Amino acid sequence: MLPRTGVTVDICPRDVPIALIGTAGGALALWADAPAEIAVPVALLIVLDIRIRRRRRRN
């Protein structure tokens, strides 16, 4: 996969304590009886702020 020109992906942690998110994600996985393969990516989407921006060329 090659990077595209004009596409920017920003990944930064949110302003929430990671220990709190980890505890809540673990409790949700136990409560909903979800496997770790589902709980871990969902927890990462909650903890990380992911922004994808596309810059357009001006002619």
C-alpha atoms as a PDB file:
ATOM      1  CA  MET A   1       0.000   0.000   0.000  1.00  0.00           C
ATOM      2  CA  LEU A   2       1.412   3.344  -1.039  1.00  0.00           C
ATOM      3  CA  PRO A   3       0.669   6.632   0.687  1.00  0.00           C
ATOM      4  CA  ARG A   4      -1.520   9.029  -1.254  1.00  0.00           C
ATOM      5  CA  THR A   5      -0.544  12.600  -1.820  1.00  0.00           C
ATOM      6  CA  GLY A   6      -2.751  15.002   0.046  1.00  0.00           C
ATOM      7  CA  VAL A   7      -4.095  12.528   2.629  1.00  0.00           C
ATOM      8  CA  THR A   8      -3.176  13.117   6.265  1.00  0.00           C
ATOM      9  CA  VAL A   9      -3.941  10.685   9.095  1.00  0.00           C
ATOM     10  CA  ASP A  10      -3.613  12.095  12.615  1.00  0.00           C
ATOM     11  CA  ILE A  11      -3.653   9.679  15.562  1.00  0.00           C
ATOM     12  CA  CYS A  12      -3.487  11.171  19.071  1.00  0.00           C
ATOM     13  CA  PRO A  13      -4.673  10.034  22.490  1.00  0.00           C
ATOM     14  CA  ARG A  14      -7.817  11.588  23.896  1.00  0.00           C
ATOM     15  CA  ASP A  15      -7.876  13.636  27.105  1.00  0.00           C
ATOM     16  CA  VAL A  16      -9.259  10.717  29.107  1.00  0.00           C
ATOM     17  CA  PRO A  17      -7.121   8.702  31.548  1.00  0.00           C
ATOM     18  CA  ILE A  18      -6.087   5.470  29.817  1.00  0.00           C
ATOM     19  CA  ALA A  19      -6.510   3.471  33.037  1.00  0.00           C
ATOM     20  CA  LEU A  20     -10.155   4.544  33.203  1.00  0.00           C
ATOM     21  CA  ILE A  21     -10.766   3.537  29.590  1.00  0.00           C
ATOM     22  CA  GLY A  22      -8.993   0.201  30.108  1.00  0.00           C
ATOM     23  CA  THR A  23     -11.083  -0.587  33.166  1.00  0.00           C
ATOM     24  CA  ALA A  24     -14.303   0.390  31.406  1.00  0.00           C
ATOM     25  CA  GLY A  25     -13.364  -1.618  28.302  1.00  0.00           C
ATOM     26  CA  GLY A  26     -12.555  -4.690  30.387  1.00  0.00           C
ATOM     27  CA  ALA A  27     -15.784  -4.382  32.354  1.00  0.00           C
ATOM     28  CA  LEU A  28     -17.772  -3.995  29.135  1.00  0.00           C
ATOM     29  CA  ALA A  29     -16.094  -7.062  27.626  1.00  0.00           C
ATOM     30  CA  LEU A  30     -16.934  -9.121  30.715  1.00  0.00           C
ATOM     31  CA  TRP A  31     -20.480  -7.792  30.940  1.00  0.00           C
ATOM     32  CA  ALA A  32     -21.273  -8.297  27.251  1.00  0.00           C
ATOM     33  CA  ASP A  33     -19.342 -11.597  27.119  1.00  0.00           C
ATOM     34  CA  ALA A  34     -17.329 -10.282  24.156  1.00  0.00           C
ATOM     35  CA  PRO A  35     -14.078 -11.942  23.061  1.00  0.00           C
ATOM     36  CA  ALA A  36     -10.805 -10.026  23.308  1.00  0.00           C
ATOM     37  CA  GLU A  37     -10.554  -9.849  19.493  1.00  0.00           C
ATOM     38  CA  ILE A  38     -13.534  -7.506  19.533  1.00  0.00           C
ATOM     39  CA  ALA A  39     -13.021  -5.683  22.838  1.00  0.00           C
ATOM     40  CA  VAL A  40      -9.431  -4.529  22.224  1.00  0.00           C
ATOM     41  CA  PRO A  41     -10.004  -2.744  18.853  1.00  0.00           C
ATOM     42  CA  VAL A  42     -13.150  -1.090  20.203  1.00  0.00           C
ATOM     43  CA  ALA A  43     -11.242   0.140  23.260  1.00  0.00           C
ATOM     44  CA  LEU A  44      -8.498   1.528  20.993  1.00  0.00           C
ATOM     45  CA  LEU A  45     -11.078   3.408  18.917  1.00  0.00           C
ATOM     46  CA  ILE A  46     -12.422   4.943  22.121  1.00  0.00           C
ATOM     47  CA  VAL A  47      -8.976   5.889  23.487  1.00  0.00           C
ATOM     48  CA  LEU A  48      -7.486   7.265  20.259  1.00  0.00           C
ATOM     49  CA  ASP A  49      -8.658  10.267  18.296  1.00  0.00           C
ATOM     50  CA  ILE A  50      -8.218   9.356  14.618  1.00  0.00           C
ATOM     51  CA  ARG A  51      -8.715  12.036  11.973  1.00  0.00           C
ATOM     52  CA  ILE A  52      -8.331  11.521   8.245  1.00  0.00           C
ATOM     53  CA  ARG A  53      -8.065  14.659   6.144  1.00  0.00           C
ATOM     54  CA  ARG A  54      -7.813  15.035   2.423  1.00  0.00           C
ATOM     55  CA  ARG A  55      -6.148  18.087   0.974  1.00  0.00           C
ATOM     56  CA  ARG A  56      -7.375  19.111  -2.461  1.00  0.00           C
ATOM     57  CA  ARG A  57      -5.164  20.554  -5.124  1.00  0.00           C
ATOM     58  CA  ARG A  58      -5.767  24.095  -6.309  1.00  0.00           C
ATOM     59  CA  ASN A  59      -5.503  24.628 -10.048  1.00  0.00           C
END
